[in-house]
N, C-alpha and C. Protein backbone atom coordinates (compact mmCIF):
# COMPACT_ATOMS: atom_id res chain seq x y z
N MET A 1 52.72 164.93 112.72
CA MET A 1 52.71 163.89 111.72
C MET A 1 51.90 162.71 112.25
N THR A 2 50.98 162.22 111.46
CA THR A 2 50.16 161.09 111.84
C THR A 2 50.66 159.85 111.10
N LEU A 3 50.85 158.78 111.84
CA LEU A 3 51.29 157.53 111.24
C LEU A 3 50.08 156.75 110.74
N ALA A 4 50.25 156.10 109.62
CA ALA A 4 49.19 155.25 109.09
C ALA A 4 49.06 154.02 109.98
N PRO A 5 47.83 153.56 110.22
CA PRO A 5 47.68 152.36 111.05
C PRO A 5 48.28 151.15 110.33
N GLN A 6 48.91 150.30 111.11
CA GLN A 6 49.53 149.09 110.57
C GLN A 6 48.48 148.00 110.48
N ASP A 7 48.58 147.17 109.46
CA ASP A 7 47.69 146.02 109.33
C ASP A 7 48.21 144.91 110.23
N TRP A 8 47.54 144.68 111.35
CA TRP A 8 47.96 143.70 112.35
C TRP A 8 47.36 142.32 112.08
N THR A 9 46.54 142.18 111.08
CA THR A 9 45.83 140.92 110.88
C THR A 9 46.75 139.75 110.56
N ALA A 10 47.91 140.01 109.99
CA ALA A 10 48.83 138.92 109.63
C ALA A 10 49.99 138.78 110.61
N LEU A 11 50.01 139.60 111.65
CA LEU A 11 51.14 139.57 112.58
C LEU A 11 50.85 138.68 113.78
N GLY A 12 51.87 137.97 114.23
CA GLY A 12 51.78 137.14 115.42
C GLY A 12 52.69 137.71 116.48
N PRO A 13 52.71 137.09 117.65
CA PRO A 13 53.59 137.57 118.72
C PRO A 13 55.05 137.27 118.37
N PRO A 14 55.98 138.06 118.92
CA PRO A 14 57.40 137.79 118.69
C PRO A 14 57.77 136.40 119.21
N SER A 15 58.55 135.69 118.44
CA SER A 15 58.98 134.34 118.80
C SER A 15 60.13 134.39 119.81
N LEU A 16 60.54 133.23 120.29
CA LEU A 16 61.71 133.16 121.16
C LEU A 16 62.94 133.72 120.43
N ALA A 17 63.08 133.41 119.14
CA ALA A 17 64.21 133.93 118.37
C ALA A 17 64.14 135.45 118.26
N ASP A 18 62.93 136.00 118.08
CA ASP A 18 62.77 137.46 118.04
C ASP A 18 63.22 138.08 119.36
N PHE A 19 62.80 137.46 120.46
CA PHE A 19 63.18 137.95 121.79
C PHE A 19 64.69 137.91 121.97
N GLU A 20 65.31 136.81 121.54
CA GLU A 20 66.77 136.71 121.64
C GLU A 20 67.44 137.83 120.86
N ALA A 21 66.92 138.13 119.67
CA ALA A 21 67.49 139.20 118.85
C ALA A 21 67.31 140.56 119.52
N ILE A 22 66.14 140.82 120.10
CA ILE A 22 65.89 142.09 120.79
C ILE A 22 66.80 142.20 122.01
N ALA A 23 66.94 141.11 122.77
CA ALA A 23 67.80 141.12 123.95
C ALA A 23 69.26 141.32 123.55
N ALA A 24 69.70 140.68 122.47
CA ALA A 24 71.09 140.85 122.01
C ALA A 24 71.34 142.29 121.58
N ALA A 25 70.38 142.89 120.90
CA ALA A 25 70.53 144.29 120.50
C ALA A 25 70.54 145.21 121.72
N ALA A 26 69.69 144.93 122.69
CA ALA A 26 69.67 145.75 123.93
C ALA A 26 70.99 145.62 124.67
N TYR A 27 71.50 144.40 124.76
CA TYR A 27 72.78 144.16 125.44
C TYR A 27 73.90 144.91 124.71
N ALA A 28 73.89 144.88 123.39
CA ALA A 28 74.94 145.54 122.60
C ALA A 28 74.92 147.06 122.80
N ARG A 29 73.77 147.63 123.14
CA ARG A 29 73.66 149.08 123.36
C ARG A 29 74.10 149.51 124.76
N LEU A 30 74.31 148.54 125.66
CA LEU A 30 74.76 148.89 127.01
C LEU A 30 76.19 149.43 126.94
N PRO A 31 76.56 150.29 127.89
CA PRO A 31 77.93 150.83 127.89
C PRO A 31 78.97 149.72 127.93
N GLU A 32 80.08 149.93 127.23
CA GLU A 32 81.11 148.91 127.14
C GLU A 32 81.65 148.49 128.51
N ASN A 33 81.85 149.46 129.41
CA ASN A 33 82.37 149.11 130.74
C ASN A 33 81.38 148.23 131.51
N PHE A 34 80.10 148.40 131.27
CA PHE A 34 79.04 147.58 131.86
C PHE A 34 79.13 146.16 131.28
N ARG A 35 79.24 146.07 129.95
CA ARG A 35 79.33 144.75 129.29
C ARG A 35 80.60 144.01 129.68
N ASN A 36 81.69 144.74 129.90
CA ASN A 36 82.95 144.09 130.28
C ASN A 36 82.81 143.33 131.60
N LEU A 37 81.95 143.81 132.49
CA LEU A 37 81.71 143.12 133.76
C LEU A 37 80.79 141.91 133.61
N CYS A 38 80.31 141.69 132.41
CA CYS A 38 79.36 140.60 132.16
C CYS A 38 79.99 139.46 131.36
N GLN A 39 81.30 139.44 131.25
CA GLN A 39 81.95 138.37 130.49
C GLN A 39 81.57 137.02 131.08
N GLY A 40 81.15 136.12 130.23
CA GLY A 40 80.75 134.79 130.67
C GLY A 40 79.29 134.68 131.08
N LEU A 41 78.59 135.81 131.18
CA LEU A 41 77.17 135.80 131.52
C LEU A 41 76.38 135.29 130.32
N VAL A 42 75.49 134.34 130.55
CA VAL A 42 74.69 133.76 129.48
C VAL A 42 73.28 134.32 129.58
N ILE A 43 72.74 134.78 128.46
CA ILE A 43 71.37 135.29 128.42
C ILE A 43 70.51 134.26 127.70
N GLN A 44 69.46 133.80 128.39
CA GLN A 44 68.55 132.79 127.86
C GLN A 44 67.14 133.34 127.80
N VAL A 45 66.38 132.89 126.80
CA VAL A 45 64.98 133.27 126.68
C VAL A 45 64.16 131.98 126.72
N ALA A 46 63.10 131.99 127.52
CA ALA A 46 62.17 130.86 127.60
C ALA A 46 60.76 131.43 127.63
N ASP A 47 59.80 130.62 127.27
CA ASP A 47 58.42 131.10 127.33
C ASP A 47 57.99 131.41 128.76
N PHE A 48 58.28 130.50 129.69
CA PHE A 48 57.91 130.66 131.09
C PHE A 48 59.01 130.10 131.98
N PRO A 49 59.04 130.54 133.24
CA PRO A 49 59.93 129.87 134.20
C PRO A 49 59.42 128.44 134.45
N ASP A 50 60.33 127.54 134.83
CA ASP A 50 59.88 126.18 135.12
C ASP A 50 59.25 126.13 136.52
N GLU A 51 58.62 125.01 136.82
CA GLU A 51 57.88 124.85 138.08
C GLU A 51 58.76 125.05 139.31
N ASP A 52 60.01 124.56 139.26
CA ASP A 52 60.91 124.73 140.40
C ASP A 52 61.19 126.20 140.67
N VAL A 53 61.40 126.97 139.62
CA VAL A 53 61.65 128.41 139.78
C VAL A 53 60.41 129.09 140.35
N LEU A 54 59.25 128.76 139.82
CA LEU A 54 58.01 129.36 140.32
C LEU A 54 57.83 129.07 141.80
N ASP A 55 58.13 127.84 142.20
CA ASP A 55 58.02 127.47 143.62
C ASP A 55 59.06 128.22 144.46
N ASP A 56 60.32 128.24 144.00
CA ASP A 56 61.39 128.91 144.73
C ASP A 56 61.13 130.40 144.90
N MET A 57 60.51 131.02 143.91
CA MET A 57 60.25 132.46 143.94
C MET A 57 58.88 132.80 144.52
N ASN A 58 58.15 131.78 144.99
CA ASN A 58 56.82 131.97 145.58
C ASN A 58 55.86 132.69 144.64
N CYS A 59 55.91 132.33 143.37
CA CYS A 59 55.03 132.95 142.38
C CYS A 59 53.65 132.31 142.44
N GLU A 60 52.63 133.13 142.32
CA GLU A 60 51.27 132.62 142.30
C GLU A 60 50.90 132.06 140.94
N THR A 61 51.40 132.71 139.87
CA THR A 61 51.13 132.23 138.51
C THR A 61 52.42 132.25 137.71
N GLU A 62 52.38 131.61 136.56
CA GLU A 62 53.55 131.59 135.69
C GLU A 62 53.82 132.94 135.03
N PHE A 63 52.91 133.90 135.19
CA PHE A 63 53.09 135.23 134.63
C PHE A 63 53.72 136.22 135.62
N ASP A 64 54.00 135.77 136.85
CA ASP A 64 54.51 136.67 137.89
C ASP A 64 55.97 137.07 137.73
N LEU A 65 56.74 136.32 136.97
CA LEU A 65 58.17 136.55 136.89
C LEU A 65 58.57 136.88 135.45
N LEU A 66 59.15 138.08 135.26
CA LEU A 66 59.56 138.51 133.92
C LEU A 66 60.97 138.06 133.57
N GLY A 67 61.82 137.96 134.59
CA GLY A 67 63.20 137.57 134.37
C GLY A 67 63.80 137.04 135.65
N LEU A 68 64.99 136.45 135.53
CA LEU A 68 65.64 135.86 136.69
C LEU A 68 67.14 135.80 136.45
N PHE A 69 67.91 136.10 137.50
CA PHE A 69 69.35 135.87 137.48
C PHE A 69 69.63 134.60 138.27
N THR A 70 70.43 133.71 137.71
CA THR A 70 70.87 132.53 138.44
C THR A 70 72.39 132.47 138.42
N GLY A 71 72.95 132.06 139.53
CA GLY A 71 74.40 131.94 139.63
C GLY A 71 74.90 132.66 140.87
N ARG A 72 76.18 132.94 140.87
CA ARG A 72 76.83 133.67 141.97
C ARG A 72 77.20 135.04 141.43
N GLY A 73 76.65 136.07 142.04
CA GLY A 73 76.94 137.44 141.62
C GLY A 73 78.41 137.78 141.78
N LEU A 74 78.85 138.81 141.09
CA LEU A 74 80.25 139.24 141.18
C LEU A 74 80.65 139.55 142.61
N ALA A 75 79.74 140.12 143.38
CA ALA A 75 80.05 140.47 144.77
C ALA A 75 80.25 139.23 145.64
N GLN A 76 79.72 138.09 145.18
CA GLN A 76 79.88 136.84 145.93
C GLN A 76 80.96 135.96 145.32
N GLY A 77 81.81 136.54 144.50
CA GLY A 77 82.91 135.78 143.89
C GLY A 77 82.55 135.12 142.58
N GLY A 78 81.45 135.54 141.97
CA GLY A 78 80.99 134.93 140.72
C GLY A 78 81.86 135.24 139.52
N ALA A 79 82.83 136.14 139.67
CA ALA A 79 83.72 136.43 138.55
C ALA A 79 84.70 135.28 138.31
N PHE A 80 84.86 134.43 139.32
CA PHE A 80 85.79 133.31 139.23
C PHE A 80 85.02 132.02 139.45
N PRO A 81 84.48 131.43 138.37
CA PRO A 81 83.66 130.23 138.52
C PRO A 81 84.43 129.09 139.18
N LEU A 82 83.74 128.37 140.03
CA LEU A 82 84.31 127.19 140.67
C LEU A 82 84.20 126.02 139.69
N THR A 83 85.03 125.04 139.88
CA THR A 83 84.98 123.85 139.04
C THR A 83 83.59 123.24 139.11
N GLY A 84 83.02 122.97 137.95
CA GLY A 84 81.69 122.36 137.90
C GLY A 84 80.54 123.32 138.05
N GLN A 85 80.83 124.61 138.30
CA GLN A 85 79.78 125.60 138.48
C GLN A 85 79.22 126.00 137.12
N LEU A 86 77.91 126.06 137.01
CA LEU A 86 77.27 126.55 135.79
C LEU A 86 77.56 128.04 135.64
N PRO A 87 77.54 128.55 134.42
CA PRO A 87 77.79 129.98 134.24
C PRO A 87 76.64 130.80 134.83
N ASN A 88 76.95 132.05 135.17
CA ASN A 88 75.89 132.97 135.58
C ASN A 88 74.96 133.16 134.39
N MET A 89 73.66 133.20 134.68
CA MET A 89 72.67 133.29 133.61
C MET A 89 71.60 134.32 133.94
N VAL A 90 71.15 134.99 132.90
CA VAL A 90 69.98 135.85 132.97
C VAL A 90 68.91 135.20 132.11
N TRP A 91 67.75 134.99 132.71
CA TRP A 91 66.60 134.42 132.01
C TRP A 91 65.60 135.53 131.73
N LEU A 92 65.11 135.58 130.51
CA LEU A 92 64.02 136.47 130.12
C LEU A 92 62.85 135.57 129.74
N TYR A 93 61.69 135.85 130.33
CA TYR A 93 60.52 135.00 130.12
C TYR A 93 59.55 135.70 129.17
N ARG A 94 59.47 135.16 127.96
CA ARG A 94 58.75 135.78 126.85
C ARG A 94 57.28 136.05 127.15
N ARG A 95 56.54 135.04 127.55
CA ARG A 95 55.10 135.23 127.73
C ARG A 95 54.76 136.22 128.84
N PRO A 96 55.39 136.15 130.03
CA PRO A 96 55.11 137.18 131.03
C PRO A 96 55.52 138.58 130.57
N ILE A 97 56.62 138.69 129.84
CA ILE A 97 57.03 140.00 129.32
C ILE A 97 56.00 140.52 128.33
N LEU A 98 55.51 139.66 127.44
CA LEU A 98 54.48 140.08 126.48
C LEU A 98 53.21 140.53 127.21
N ASP A 99 52.85 139.80 128.25
CA ASP A 99 51.66 140.15 129.03
C ASP A 99 51.83 141.52 129.68
N TYR A 100 52.99 141.74 130.29
CA TYR A 100 53.29 143.03 130.92
C TYR A 100 53.25 144.14 129.87
N TRP A 101 53.89 143.91 128.74
CA TRP A 101 53.96 144.91 127.66
C TRP A 101 52.56 145.29 127.18
N ALA A 102 51.68 144.29 127.05
CA ALA A 102 50.32 144.55 126.55
C ALA A 102 49.52 145.43 127.50
N GLU A 103 49.90 145.45 128.78
CA GLU A 103 49.15 146.21 129.78
C GLU A 103 49.78 147.56 130.11
N ASN A 104 50.89 147.92 129.46
CA ASN A 104 51.60 149.15 129.80
C ASN A 104 51.90 149.97 128.55
N GLU A 105 52.43 151.15 128.78
CA GLU A 105 52.67 152.09 127.69
C GLU A 105 54.08 151.99 127.11
N GLU A 106 54.93 151.13 127.66
CA GLU A 106 56.30 151.02 127.19
C GLU A 106 56.39 150.25 125.88
N THR A 107 57.49 150.45 125.16
CA THR A 107 57.74 149.64 123.98
C THR A 107 58.22 148.26 124.42
N LEU A 108 58.06 147.28 123.56
CA LEU A 108 58.53 145.94 123.89
C LEU A 108 60.04 145.94 124.11
N GLY A 109 60.77 146.64 123.25
CA GLY A 109 62.22 146.74 123.42
C GLY A 109 62.59 147.38 124.74
N GLY A 110 61.81 148.37 125.16
CA GLY A 110 62.06 149.03 126.44
C GLY A 110 61.84 148.10 127.62
N VAL A 111 60.79 147.28 127.55
CA VAL A 111 60.51 146.33 128.63
C VAL A 111 61.62 145.28 128.70
N ILE A 112 61.99 144.74 127.55
CA ILE A 112 63.05 143.72 127.53
C ILE A 112 64.35 144.31 128.05
N THR A 113 64.69 145.53 127.64
CA THR A 113 65.91 146.17 128.12
C THR A 113 65.86 146.36 129.63
N HIS A 114 64.73 146.82 130.14
CA HIS A 114 64.59 147.05 131.58
C HIS A 114 64.80 145.74 132.36
N VAL A 115 64.15 144.67 131.92
CA VAL A 115 64.28 143.39 132.62
C VAL A 115 65.72 142.88 132.52
N LEU A 116 66.32 143.01 131.35
CA LEU A 116 67.70 142.58 131.16
C LEU A 116 68.65 143.32 132.10
N VAL A 117 68.54 144.64 132.14
CA VAL A 117 69.42 145.44 133.00
C VAL A 117 69.16 145.12 134.47
N HIS A 118 67.91 144.93 134.84
CA HIS A 118 67.58 144.57 136.23
C HIS A 118 68.26 143.26 136.62
N GLU A 119 68.15 142.25 135.78
CA GLU A 119 68.74 140.96 136.10
C GLU A 119 70.27 141.02 136.08
N ILE A 120 70.84 141.81 135.19
CA ILE A 120 72.30 142.02 135.21
C ILE A 120 72.71 142.72 136.50
N GLY A 121 71.86 143.57 137.02
CA GLY A 121 72.12 144.20 138.32
C GLY A 121 72.31 143.16 139.41
N HIS A 122 71.53 142.07 139.37
CA HIS A 122 71.71 140.98 140.33
C HIS A 122 73.06 140.29 140.10
N HIS A 123 73.49 140.19 138.85
CA HIS A 123 74.81 139.63 138.54
C HIS A 123 75.90 140.48 139.21
N PHE A 124 75.67 141.78 139.28
CA PHE A 124 76.63 142.68 139.94
C PHE A 124 76.55 142.59 141.46
N GLY A 125 75.54 141.87 141.96
CA GLY A 125 75.40 141.71 143.40
C GLY A 125 74.42 142.68 144.03
N LEU A 126 73.68 143.41 143.21
CA LEU A 126 72.71 144.38 143.73
C LEU A 126 71.40 143.68 144.08
N SER A 127 70.79 144.10 145.16
CA SER A 127 69.48 143.58 145.54
C SER A 127 68.40 144.40 144.84
N ASP A 128 67.16 143.95 144.93
CA ASP A 128 66.04 144.73 144.38
C ASP A 128 65.97 146.09 145.06
N ALA A 129 66.21 146.13 146.38
CA ALA A 129 66.19 147.40 147.12
C ALA A 129 67.30 148.32 146.64
N ASP A 130 68.51 147.78 146.39
CA ASP A 130 69.62 148.59 145.89
C ASP A 130 69.23 149.22 144.54
N MET A 131 68.64 148.41 143.66
CA MET A 131 68.29 148.92 142.33
C MET A 131 67.17 149.95 142.41
N ALA A 132 66.22 149.76 143.31
CA ALA A 132 65.15 150.74 143.48
C ALA A 132 65.74 152.08 143.97
N ALA A 133 66.71 152.02 144.88
CA ALA A 133 67.35 153.24 145.37
C ALA A 133 68.13 153.94 144.26
N ILE A 134 68.82 153.18 143.45
CA ILE A 134 69.57 153.76 142.32
C ILE A 134 68.60 154.42 141.34
N LYS A 135 67.51 153.72 141.03
CA LYS A 135 66.52 154.26 140.10
C LYS A 135 65.89 155.54 140.66
N ALA A 136 65.60 155.56 141.97
CA ALA A 136 65.00 156.73 142.60
C ALA A 136 65.96 157.93 142.61
N ALA A 137 67.25 157.64 142.73
CA ALA A 137 68.25 158.72 142.76
C ALA A 137 68.43 159.29 141.37
């Protein structure tokens, strides 16, 4: 079956609200036991990371970071917030994600889901190396 080409002349990039909706739908599709461990986790969408984040993460450009977990992971006691502690947060960065998506074969929803799950992995206390080993297995 061949799909008819879509008329892209009137379409623009997904907005921040579109990204939030895609991320919310991706989160809702995660297994319930996974979501139960994320109570209180806040998911935010921004166009780019701020300058402090870029500096802290040693990024060369504002397109280097697709997402970020901030807070104290569950393994570090993040399930019990301290007085005055901000909630654990997952940041999804719209413009770098769009740039990555444009250069790869994945769907936009697939990229957003991957970044979301990766950052939630940090909420669970997993390192990048831990997640790479899990993915390889």
